[in-house]
């Protein structure tokens, strides 16, 4: 099913439409990626078999894993999107450091 991809695209469009800032887009994409990773951590480490199977079935491991599920992991598009995700994380790190420096 395409539910995870459709929900992700709707969220991104909503953030871009309502906030219209690139930083909001970066925060959203990275926050969703971190949420996916945290849910998989909980599913793997809590020891509840039903929860683990539910998370593994419906929640992708990360945003790039979700993209790879639909376009494949061996193409040029996947490599480009992986580097874009890397760049988004670098930009997020820049935003976080900038906020920490301003508070000093």
C-alpha atoms as a PDB file:
ATOM      1  CA  UNK A   1       0.000   0.000   0.000  1.00  0.00           C
ATOM      2  CA  UNK A   2       1.047   3.571  -0.583  1.00  0.00           C
ATOM      3  CA  UNK A   3      -0.386   4.943   2.666  1.00  0.00           C
ATOM      4  CA  UNK A   4       2.974   5.907   4.184  1.00  0.00           C
ATOM      5  CA  UNK A   5       4.149   7.646   1.014  1.00  0.00           C
ATOM      6  CA  UNK A   6       0.850   9.486   0.495  1.00  0.00           C
ATOM      7  CA  UNK A   7       0.783  10.652   4.125  1.00  0.00           C
ATOM      8  CA  UNK A   8       4.389  11.844   3.886  1.00  0.00           C
ATOM      9  CA  UNK A   9       3.711  13.789   0.679  1.00  0.00           C
ATOM     10  CA  UNK A  10       0.549  15.363   2.140  1.00  0.00           C
ATOM     11  CA  UNK A  11       2.473  16.480   5.236  1.00  0.00           C
ATOM     12  CA  UNK A  12       5.273  17.981   3.152  1.00  0.00           C
ATOM     13  CA  UNK A  13       2.820  19.828   0.898  1.00  0.00           C
ATOM     14  CA  UNK A  14       0.892  21.130   3.908  1.00  0.00           C
ATOM     15  CA  UNK A  15       4.045  22.435   5.596  1.00  0.00           C
ATOM     16  CA  UNK A  16       5.299  24.077   2.413  1.00  0.00           C
ATOM     17  CA  UNK A  17       1.876  25.606   1.730  1.00  0.00           C
ATOM     18  CA  UNK A  18       1.215  26.926   5.252  1.00  0.00           C
ATOM     19  CA  UNK A  19       4.689  27.883   6.469  1.00  0.00           C
ATOM     20  CA  UNK A  20       6.409  28.619   3.143  1.00  0.00           C
ATOM     21  CA  UNK A  21       9.858  28.425   4.645  1.00  0.00           C
ATOM     22  CA  UNK A  22      12.613  26.042   3.698  1.00  0.00           C
ATOM     23  CA  UNK A  23      13.524  25.547   7.347  1.00  0.00           C
ATOM     24  CA  UNK A  24      10.008  24.238   8.064  1.00  0.00           C
ATOM     25  CA  UNK A  25      10.433  21.678   5.297  1.00  0.00           C
ATOM     26  CA  UNK A  26      13.801  20.593   6.696  1.00  0.00           C
ATOM     27  CA  UNK A  27      12.426  20.298  10.229  1.00  0.00           C
ATOM     28  CA  UNK A  28       9.438  18.257   9.037  1.00  0.00           C
ATOM     29  CA  UNK A  29      11.377  15.774   6.909  1.00  0.00           C
ATOM     30  CA  UNK A  30      14.022  15.227   9.573  1.00  0.00           C
ATOM     31  CA  UNK A  31      11.427  14.986  12.354  1.00  0.00           C
ATOM     32  CA  UNK A  32       9.487  12.333  10.433  1.00  0.00           C
ATOM     33  CA  UNK A  33      12.713  10.423   9.788  1.00  0.00           C
ATOM     34  CA  UNK A  34      13.649  10.565  13.473  1.00  0.00           C
ATOM     35  CA  UNK A  35      10.113   9.469  14.448  1.00  0.00           C
ATOM     36  CA  UNK A  36      10.350   6.434  12.140  1.00  0.00           C
ATOM     37  CA  UNK A  37      13.717   5.504  13.634  1.00  0.00           C
ATOM     38  CA  UNK A  38      12.448   5.903  17.216  1.00  0.00           C
ATOM     39  CA  UNK A  39       9.392   3.757  16.531  1.00  0.00           C
ATOM     40  CA  UNK A  40      11.574   1.012  15.086  1.00  0.00           C
ATOM     41  CA  UNK A  41      13.877   1.238  18.094  1.00  0.00           C
ATOM     42  CA  UNK A  42      10.896   0.758  20.415  1.00  0.00           C
ATOM     43  CA  UNK A  43       9.538  -2.084  18.339  1.00  0.00           C
ATOM     44  CA  UNK A  44      12.885  -3.866  18.340  1.00  0.00           C
ATOM     45  CA  UNK A  45      13.784  -3.351  21.997  1.00  0.00           C
ATOM     46  CA  UNK A  46      10.561  -3.550  24.014  1.00  0.00           C
ATOM     47  CA  UNK A  47      10.152  -7.277  23.467  1.00  0.00           C
ATOM     48  CA  UNK A  48       6.433  -7.130  22.628  1.00  0.00           C
ATOM     49  CA  UNK A  49       5.963  -9.348  19.593  1.00  0.00           C
ATOM     50  CA  UNK A  50       2.651  -7.831  18.502  1.00  0.00           C
ATOM     51  CA  UNK A  51       3.987  -4.278  18.668  1.00  0.00           C
ATOM     52  CA  UNK A  52       7.150  -5.236  16.844  1.00  0.00           C
ATOM     53  CA  UNK A  53       5.285  -6.941  14.013  1.00  0.00           C
ATOM     54  CA  UNK A  54       2.842  -4.028  13.748  1.00  0.00           C
ATOM     55  CA  UNK A  55       5.657  -1.474  13.516  1.00  0.00           C
ATOM     56  CA  UNK A  56       7.675  -3.563  11.066  1.00  0.00           C
ATOM     57  CA  UNK A  57       4.615  -4.017   8.843  1.00  0.00           C
ATOM     58  CA  UNK A  58       3.281  -0.443   8.712  1.00  0.00           C
ATOM     59  CA  UNK A  59       6.106   1.932   9.661  1.00  0.00           C
ATOM     60  CA  UNK A  60       9.149   2.326   7.415  1.00  0.00           C
ATOM     61  CA  UNK A  61      12.570   2.359   9.057  1.00  0.00           C
ATOM     62  CA  UNK A  62      13.407   5.824   7.737  1.00  0.00           C
ATOM     63  CA  UNK A  63      12.355   8.249   5.043  1.00  0.00           C
ATOM     64  CA  UNK A  64      15.015   7.016   2.640  1.00  0.00           C
ATOM     65  CA  UNK A  65      13.944   3.413   3.283  1.00  0.00           C
ATOM     66  CA  UNK A  66      10.368   4.410   2.437  1.00  0.00           C
ATOM     67  CA  UNK A  67      11.560   6.001  -0.812  1.00  0.00           C
ATOM     68  CA  UNK A  68      13.660   2.936  -1.608  1.00  0.00           C
ATOM     69  CA  UNK A  69      10.652   0.687  -1.145  1.00  0.00           C
ATOM     70  CA  UNK A  70       8.830   2.429  -3.986  1.00  0.00           C
ATOM     71  CA  UNK A  71      11.584   3.302  -6.458  1.00  0.00           C
ATOM     72  CA  UNK A  72      14.152   0.582  -5.693  1.00  0.00           C
ATOM     73  CA  UNK A  73      17.591   0.938  -4.171  1.00  0.00           C
ATOM     74  CA  UNK A  74      19.820   0.377  -7.173  1.00  0.00           C
ATOM     75  CA  UNK A  75      19.058   3.362  -9.365  1.00  0.00           C
ATOM     76  CA  UNK A  76      20.435   6.818  -9.858  1.00  0.00           C
ATOM     77  CA  UNK A  77      17.260   8.423  -8.483  1.00  0.00           C
ATOM     78  CA  UNK A  78      17.723   6.606  -5.178  1.00  0.00           C
ATOM     79  CA  UNK A  79      21.337   7.765  -4.938  1.00  0.00           C
ATOM     80  CA  UNK A  80      20.343  11.364  -5.644  1.00  0.00           C
ATOM     81  CA  UNK A  81      17.518  11.245  -3.073  1.00  0.00           C
ATOM     82  CA  UNK A  82      19.902   9.701  -0.518  1.00  0.00           C
ATOM     83  CA  UNK A  83      22.311  12.607  -0.987  1.00  0.00           C
ATOM     84  CA  UNK A  84      19.434  15.070  -0.723  1.00  0.00           C
ATOM     85  CA  UNK A  85      18.453  13.463   2.594  1.00  0.00           C
ATOM     86  CA  UNK A  86      22.075  13.739   3.719  1.00  0.00           C
ATOM     87  CA  UNK A  87      22.062  17.418   2.755  1.00  0.00           C
ATOM     88  CA  UNK A  88      18.829  17.965   4.690  1.00  0.00           C
ATOM     89  CA  UNK A  89      20.425  16.478   7.790  1.00  0.00           C
ATOM     90  CA  UNK A  90      23.449  18.761   7.326  1.00  0.00           C
ATOM     91  CA  UNK A  91      21.127  21.755   7.033  1.00  0.00           C
ATOM     92  CA  UNK A  92      19.247  20.615  10.156  1.00  0.00           C
ATOM     93  CA  UNK A  93      22.554  20.399  12.005  1.00  0.00           C
ATOM     94  CA  UNK A  94      23.368  23.930  10.857  1.00  0.00           C
ATOM     95  CA  UNK A  95      19.993  25.198  12.123  1.00  0.00           C
ATOM     96  CA  UNK A  96      20.470  23.485  15.483  1.00  0.00           C
ATOM     97  CA  UNK A  97      23.983  24.861  15.927  1.00  0.00           C
ATOM     98  CA  UNK A  98      22.811  28.329  14.916  1.00  0.00           C
ATOM     99  CA  UNK A  99      20.056  28.214  17.531  1.00  0.00           C
ATOM    100  CA  UNK A 100      22.503  27.036  20.197  1.00  0.00           C
ATOM    101  CA  UNK A 101      25.006  29.789  19.351  1.00  0.00           C
ATOM    102  CA  UNK A 102      22.321  32.488  19.449  1.00  0.00           C
ATOM    103  CA  UNK A 103      21.296  31.415  22.959  1.00  0.00           C
ATOM    104  CA  UNK A 104      24.799  31.871  24.270  1.00  0.00           C
END
